[in-house]
Amino acid sequence: MLANYLPIMLFLAVGGIIGMVLLAVGFMLGPRRPDAAKNSPYECGFEAFENARMKFDVRYYLVAILFIIFDLEIAFLFPWAVVLDKIGMVGFVAMVVFLGILVVGFIYEWKKGALEWE
């Protein structure tokens, strides 16, 4: 049984060794020419004008959470669409209920003004 895993272990070991060797060669032979521009913090192409630890508006987080929710919705829709003919009407109704709950949440957020950006 353990002999079945030997090729996998060997593959992982060889891959890890090759990765470490290539990283070491890059560090040893790579050029090191630091200057002020390379060592400065990069922020959208211009100099930082405020503290990086400033507070963000809560609406930024709400939009990010909404994006994640609807992104996950799409991630659930693809496998559902692939097996729709096998799961039949029960699977269809379950997905309609799922999408209905998400639409109700989206309408709630819309009515509360969470999507308004000032």
N, C-alpha and C. Protein backbone atom coordinates (compact mmCIF):
# COMPACT_ATOMS: atom_id res chain seq x y z
N MET A 1 0.83 -1.19 0.00
CA MET A 1 0.00 0.00 0.00
C MET A 1 0.87 1.26 0.00
N LEU A 2 1.92 1.25 0.83
CA LEU A 2 2.81 2.41 0.90
C LEU A 2 3.59 2.59 -0.39
N ALA A 3 3.81 1.53 -1.13
CA ALA A 3 4.54 1.61 -2.40
C ALA A 3 3.75 2.40 -3.44
N ASN A 4 2.43 2.47 -3.29
CA ASN A 4 1.62 3.26 -4.22
C ASN A 4 1.90 4.75 -4.09
N TYR A 5 2.31 5.18 -2.90
CA TYR A 5 2.56 6.60 -2.66
C TYR A 5 4.00 7.01 -2.96
N LEU A 6 4.86 6.07 -3.22
CA LEU A 6 6.27 6.38 -3.47
C LEU A 6 6.45 7.31 -4.68
N PRO A 7 5.79 7.09 -5.81
CA PRO A 7 5.97 8.03 -6.93
C PRO A 7 5.50 9.44 -6.59
N ILE A 8 4.45 9.56 -5.81
CA ILE A 8 3.96 10.89 -5.43
C ILE A 8 4.97 11.58 -4.53
N MET A 9 5.49 10.86 -3.55
CA MET A 9 6.51 11.43 -2.65
C MET A 9 7.76 11.83 -3.41
N LEU A 10 8.18 10.98 -4.34
CA LEU A 10 9.34 11.28 -5.15
C LEU A 10 9.11 12.52 -6.01
N PHE A 11 7.93 12.62 -6.60
CA PHE A 11 7.57 13.78 -7.41
C PHE A 11 7.60 15.06 -6.58
N LEU A 12 7.02 15.02 -5.37
CA LEU A 12 7.02 16.19 -4.50
C LEU A 12 8.43 16.56 -4.07
N ALA A 13 9.25 15.57 -3.74
CA ALA A 13 10.63 15.85 -3.31
C ALA A 13 11.45 16.47 -4.44
N VAL A 14 11.35 15.91 -5.63
CA VAL A 14 12.11 16.45 -6.77
C VAL A 14 11.62 17.85 -7.10
N GLY A 15 10.31 18.07 -7.09
CA GLY A 15 9.77 19.41 -7.35
C GLY A 15 10.22 20.42 -6.32
N GLY A 16 10.21 20.04 -5.05
CA GLY A 16 10.67 20.95 -3.99
C GLY A 16 12.14 21.27 -4.11
N ILE A 17 12.95 20.27 -4.41
CA ILE A 17 14.39 20.50 -4.57
C ILE A 17 14.67 21.42 -5.75
N ILE A 18 14.01 21.17 -6.88
CA ILE A 18 14.22 22.02 -8.06
C ILE A 18 13.78 23.45 -7.76
N GLY A 19 12.66 23.62 -7.06
CA GLY A 19 12.20 24.96 -6.70
C GLY A 19 13.19 25.68 -5.81
N MET A 20 13.71 25.00 -4.80
CA MET A 20 14.68 25.64 -3.90
C MET A 20 15.98 25.98 -4.61
N VAL A 21 16.44 25.08 -5.49
CA VAL A 21 17.67 25.35 -6.24
C VAL A 21 17.49 26.57 -7.13
N LEU A 22 16.38 26.66 -7.83
CA LEU A 22 16.15 27.81 -8.70
C LEU A 22 16.05 29.11 -7.92
N LEU A 23 15.40 29.09 -6.76
CA LEU A 23 15.35 30.28 -5.91
C LEU A 23 16.74 30.69 -5.44
N ALA A 24 17.53 29.72 -5.03
CA ALA A 24 18.88 30.02 -4.56
C ALA A 24 19.73 30.60 -5.68
N VAL A 25 19.63 30.04 -6.89
CA VAL A 25 20.39 30.57 -8.03
C VAL A 25 19.96 32.00 -8.32
N GLY A 26 18.67 32.27 -8.25
CA GLY A 26 18.18 33.63 -8.48
C GLY A 26 18.72 34.62 -7.47
N PHE A 27 18.75 34.22 -6.21
CA PHE A 27 19.28 35.12 -5.18
C PHE A 27 20.78 35.34 -5.32
N MET A 28 21.49 34.29 -5.70
CA MET A 28 22.95 34.41 -5.80
C MET A 28 23.39 35.17 -7.05
N LEU A 29 22.74 34.94 -8.17
CA LEU A 29 23.19 35.52 -9.43
C LEU A 29 22.40 36.76 -9.86
N GLY A 30 21.31 37.06 -9.18
CA GLY A 30 20.48 38.20 -9.58
C GLY A 30 21.16 39.52 -9.28
N PRO A 31 20.88 40.54 -10.09
CA PRO A 31 21.50 41.85 -9.86
C PRO A 31 20.90 42.52 -8.63
N ARG A 32 21.75 43.22 -7.90
CA ARG A 32 21.31 43.98 -6.73
C ARG A 32 21.73 45.43 -6.95
N ARG A 33 20.80 46.22 -7.41
CA ARG A 33 21.07 47.64 -7.63
C ARG A 33 19.95 48.46 -6.98
N PRO A 34 19.92 48.53 -5.66
CA PRO A 34 18.85 49.28 -5.00
C PRO A 34 19.02 50.79 -5.20
N ASP A 35 17.93 51.48 -5.35
CA ASP A 35 17.95 52.93 -5.37
C ASP A 35 16.69 53.43 -4.65
N ALA A 36 16.53 54.72 -4.57
CA ALA A 36 15.42 55.28 -3.80
C ALA A 36 14.07 54.90 -4.41
N ALA A 37 13.96 54.86 -5.73
CA ALA A 37 12.69 54.54 -6.36
C ALA A 37 12.28 53.09 -6.11
N LYS A 38 13.25 52.17 -6.13
CA LYS A 38 12.92 50.76 -5.90
C LYS A 38 12.55 50.50 -4.45
N ASN A 39 13.14 51.22 -3.54
CA ASN A 39 12.89 50.99 -2.12
C ASN A 39 11.70 51.78 -1.57
N SER A 40 11.11 52.64 -2.37
CA SER A 40 9.98 53.44 -1.89
C SER A 40 8.69 52.62 -1.98
N PRO A 41 7.73 52.92 -1.11
CA PRO A 41 6.44 52.22 -1.21
C PRO A 41 5.68 52.67 -2.44
N TYR A 42 5.10 51.73 -3.15
CA TYR A 42 4.38 52.03 -4.38
C TYR A 42 2.90 52.10 -4.08
N GLU A 43 2.27 53.20 -4.46
CA GLU A 43 0.84 53.34 -4.22
C GLU A 43 0.21 54.04 -5.42
N CYS A 44 -0.25 53.29 -6.35
CA CYS A 44 -0.98 53.79 -7.51
C CYS A 44 -0.20 54.80 -8.33
N GLY A 45 1.10 54.72 -8.35
CA GLY A 45 1.89 55.56 -9.23
C GLY A 45 2.24 56.92 -8.69
N PHE A 46 1.83 57.25 -7.47
CA PHE A 46 2.20 58.54 -6.90
C PHE A 46 2.61 58.37 -5.45
N GLU A 47 3.22 59.39 -4.92
CA GLU A 47 3.71 59.33 -3.55
C GLU A 47 2.55 59.23 -2.56
N ALA A 48 2.74 58.49 -1.50
CA ALA A 48 1.72 58.35 -0.47
C ALA A 48 1.52 59.69 0.22
N PHE A 49 0.28 60.09 0.38
CA PHE A 49 0.01 61.40 0.98
C PHE A 49 -0.66 61.30 2.33
N GLU A 50 -1.06 60.10 2.75
CA GLU A 50 -1.66 59.91 4.06
C GLU A 50 -1.09 58.65 4.69
N ASN A 51 -1.48 58.43 5.91
CA ASN A 51 -1.07 57.24 6.63
C ASN A 51 -1.74 56.01 5.99
N ALA A 52 -1.01 54.95 5.83
CA ALA A 52 -1.55 53.74 5.22
C ALA A 52 -2.55 53.04 6.13
N ARG A 53 -2.58 53.39 7.40
CA ARG A 53 -3.49 52.74 8.35
C ARG A 53 -4.71 53.60 8.64
N MET A 54 -5.11 54.42 7.67
CA MET A 54 -6.31 55.23 7.87
C MET A 54 -7.55 54.35 7.81
N LYS A 55 -8.64 54.83 8.38
CA LYS A 55 -9.88 54.06 8.43
C LYS A 55 -10.62 54.21 7.11
N PHE A 56 -11.19 53.09 6.66
CA PHE A 56 -12.01 53.09 5.46
C PHE A 56 -13.47 53.24 5.86
N ASP A 57 -14.24 53.77 4.95
CA ASP A 57 -15.67 53.86 5.17
C ASP A 57 -16.27 52.46 5.16
N VAL A 58 -17.29 52.25 5.96
CA VAL A 58 -17.90 50.93 6.09
C VAL A 58 -18.52 50.50 4.75
N ARG A 59 -18.91 51.43 3.91
CA ARG A 59 -19.51 51.07 2.63
C ARG A 59 -18.53 50.32 1.73
N TYR A 60 -17.25 50.61 1.89
CA TYR A 60 -16.25 49.86 1.12
C TYR A 60 -16.34 48.37 1.47
N TYR A 61 -16.45 48.06 2.74
CA TYR A 61 -16.54 46.67 3.17
C TYR A 61 -17.86 46.04 2.73
N LEU A 62 -18.94 46.82 2.75
CA LEU A 62 -20.22 46.29 2.30
C LEU A 62 -20.19 45.92 0.83
N VAL A 63 -19.58 46.77 0.02
CA VAL A 63 -19.48 46.46 -1.41
C VAL A 63 -18.60 45.22 -1.61
N ALA A 64 -17.53 45.11 -0.84
CA ALA A 64 -16.66 43.93 -0.95
C ALA A 64 -17.41 42.66 -0.55
N ILE A 65 -18.19 42.72 0.50
CA ILE A 65 -18.96 41.56 0.93
C ILE A 65 -20.02 41.20 -0.11
N LEU A 66 -20.68 42.21 -0.67
CA LEU A 66 -21.66 41.94 -1.72
C LEU A 66 -21.01 41.29 -2.93
N PHE A 67 -19.83 41.76 -3.29
CA PHE A 67 -19.12 41.13 -4.41
C PHE A 67 -18.84 39.67 -4.12
N ILE A 68 -18.37 39.37 -2.92
CA ILE A 68 -18.06 37.99 -2.56
C ILE A 68 -19.33 37.13 -2.59
N ILE A 69 -20.42 37.67 -2.07
CA ILE A 69 -21.67 36.90 -2.05
C ILE A 69 -22.12 36.55 -3.47
N PHE A 70 -22.10 37.55 -4.36
CA PHE A 70 -22.58 37.27 -5.71
C PHE A 70 -21.56 36.50 -6.53
N ASP A 71 -20.31 36.60 -6.18
CA ASP A 71 -19.30 35.77 -6.83
C ASP A 71 -19.50 34.31 -6.44
N LEU A 72 -19.79 34.06 -5.18
CA LEU A 72 -20.07 32.70 -4.73
C LEU A 72 -21.36 32.17 -5.33
N GLU A 73 -22.32 33.06 -5.56
CA GLU A 73 -23.56 32.63 -6.20
C GLU A 73 -23.26 32.05 -7.58
N ILE A 74 -22.42 32.71 -8.33
CA ILE A 74 -22.05 32.21 -9.65
C ILE A 74 -21.29 30.88 -9.52
N ALA A 75 -20.45 30.77 -8.49
CA ALA A 75 -19.71 29.53 -8.29
C ALA A 75 -20.65 28.36 -8.00
N PHE A 76 -21.78 28.64 -7.36
CA PHE A 76 -22.77 27.58 -7.12
C PHE A 76 -23.62 27.29 -8.35
N LEU A 77 -23.77 28.28 -9.22
CA LEU A 77 -24.63 28.09 -10.39
C LEU A 77 -24.01 27.17 -11.44
N PHE A 78 -22.71 27.20 -11.61
CA PHE A 78 -22.09 26.38 -12.65
C PHE A 78 -22.27 24.88 -12.41
N PRO A 79 -21.92 24.36 -11.22
CA PRO A 79 -22.14 22.91 -11.03
C PRO A 79 -23.62 22.54 -11.07
N TRP A 80 -24.47 23.43 -10.59
CA TRP A 80 -25.90 23.18 -10.63
C TRP A 80 -26.39 23.07 -12.07
N ALA A 81 -25.91 23.95 -12.94
CA ALA A 81 -26.33 23.93 -14.34
C ALA A 81 -25.83 22.67 -15.04
N VAL A 82 -24.68 22.17 -14.64
CA VAL A 82 -24.14 20.96 -15.28
C VAL A 82 -24.98 19.73 -14.96
N VAL A 83 -25.46 19.64 -13.73
CA VAL A 83 -26.21 18.44 -13.32
C VAL A 83 -27.72 18.67 -13.25
N LEU A 84 -28.19 19.74 -13.85
CA LEU A 84 -29.62 20.06 -13.76
C LEU A 84 -30.51 18.95 -14.31
N ASP A 85 -30.11 18.30 -15.39
CA ASP A 85 -30.94 17.24 -15.95
C ASP A 85 -31.00 16.01 -15.04
N LYS A 86 -30.00 15.83 -14.19
CA LYS A 86 -29.98 14.67 -13.28
C LYS A 86 -30.74 14.93 -11.99
N ILE A 87 -30.71 16.15 -11.49
CA ILE A 87 -31.35 16.43 -10.20
C ILE A 87 -32.82 16.78 -10.34
N GLY A 88 -33.25 17.12 -11.54
CA GLY A 88 -34.67 17.31 -11.81
C GLY A 88 -35.28 18.53 -11.16
N MET A 89 -36.58 18.43 -10.91
CA MET A 89 -37.35 19.57 -10.42
C MET A 89 -36.99 19.94 -8.98
N VAL A 90 -36.61 18.96 -8.17
CA VAL A 90 -36.24 19.25 -6.77
C VAL A 90 -35.00 20.15 -6.74
N GLY A 91 -34.01 19.86 -7.56
CA GLY A 91 -32.82 20.69 -7.62
C GLY A 91 -33.11 22.07 -8.18
N PHE A 92 -34.03 22.13 -9.14
CA PHE A 92 -34.40 23.41 -9.71
C PHE A 92 -35.08 24.29 -8.66
N VAL A 93 -36.00 23.72 -7.91
CA VAL A 93 -36.71 24.48 -6.87
C VAL A 93 -35.73 24.91 -5.77
N ALA A 94 -34.81 24.05 -5.40
CA ALA A 94 -33.83 24.40 -4.38
C ALA A 94 -32.98 25.59 -4.82
N MET A 95 -32.57 25.61 -6.10
CA MET A 95 -31.76 26.73 -6.58
C MET A 95 -32.59 28.00 -6.70
N VAL A 96 -33.87 27.88 -7.05
CA VAL A 96 -34.73 29.06 -7.11
C VAL A 96 -34.90 29.66 -5.71
N VAL A 97 -35.05 28.81 -4.70
CA VAL A 97 -35.14 29.30 -3.32
C VAL A 97 -33.83 29.99 -2.93
N PHE A 98 -32.71 29.38 -3.26
CA PHE A 98 -31.40 29.97 -2.96
C PHE A 98 -31.25 31.33 -3.63
N LEU A 99 -31.58 31.41 -4.91
CA LEU A 99 -31.47 32.68 -5.62
C LEU A 99 -32.48 33.70 -5.10
N GLY A 100 -33.64 33.24 -4.68
CA GLY A 100 -34.63 34.15 -4.10
C GLY A 100 -34.13 34.80 -2.83
N ILE A 101 -33.49 34.01 -1.97
CA ILE A 101 -32.93 34.56 -0.74
C ILE A 101 -31.86 35.60 -1.06
N LEU A 102 -31.02 35.31 -2.04
CA LEU A 102 -29.99 36.28 -2.42
C LEU A 102 -30.59 37.54 -3.01
N VAL A 103 -31.64 37.40 -3.80
CA VAL A 103 -32.28 38.58 -4.39
C VAL A 103 -32.93 39.43 -3.31
N VAL A 104 -33.56 38.80 -2.32
CA VAL A 104 -34.15 39.55 -1.22
C VAL A 104 -33.06 40.33 -0.47
N GLY A 105 -31.92 39.69 -0.23
CA GLY A 105 -30.81 40.39 0.42
C GLY A 105 -30.27 41.54 -0.41
N PHE A 106 -30.20 41.34 -1.72
CA PHE A 106 -29.73 42.40 -2.61
C PHE A 106 -30.69 43.58 -2.62
N ILE A 107 -31.99 43.30 -2.67
CA ILE A 107 -32.98 44.38 -2.64
C ILE A 107 -32.92 45.14 -1.32
N TYR A 108 -32.73 44.41 -0.22
CA TYR A 108 -32.60 45.05 1.09
C TYR A 108 -31.40 46.00 1.11
N GLU A 109 -30.26 45.53 0.61
CA GLU A 109 -29.07 46.38 0.56
C GLU A 109 -29.29 47.59 -0.34
N TRP A 110 -29.97 47.39 -1.43
CA TRP A 110 -30.25 48.48 -2.37
C TRP A 110 -31.13 49.53 -1.70
N LYS A 111 -32.19 49.08 -1.00
CA LYS A 111 -33.11 50.01 -0.34
C LYS A 111 -32.42 50.76 0.81
N LYS A 112 -31.50 50.10 1.50
CA LYS A 112 -30.77 50.74 2.61
C LYS A 112 -29.74 51.75 2.12
N GLY A 113 -29.42 51.70 0.81
CA GLY A 113 -28.45 52.65 0.26
C GLY A 113 -27.02 52.21 0.39
N ALA A 114 -26.80 50.92 0.61
CA ALA A 114 -25.44 50.42 0.77
C ALA A 114 -24.67 50.46 -0.54
N LEU A 115 -25.36 50.52 -1.66
CA LEU A 115 -24.69 50.54 -2.95
C LEU A 115 -24.43 51.95 -3.46
N GLU A 116 -24.89 52.95 -2.73
CA GLU A 116 -24.64 54.34 -3.11
C GLU A 116 -23.25 54.74 -2.69
N TRP A 117 -22.50 55.27 -3.63
CA TRP A 117 -21.14 55.70 -3.35
C TRP A 117 -21.05 57.20 -3.54
N GLU A 118 -20.68 57.93 -2.49
CA GLU A 118 -20.67 59.39 -2.54
C GLU A 118 -19.31 59.94 -2.83
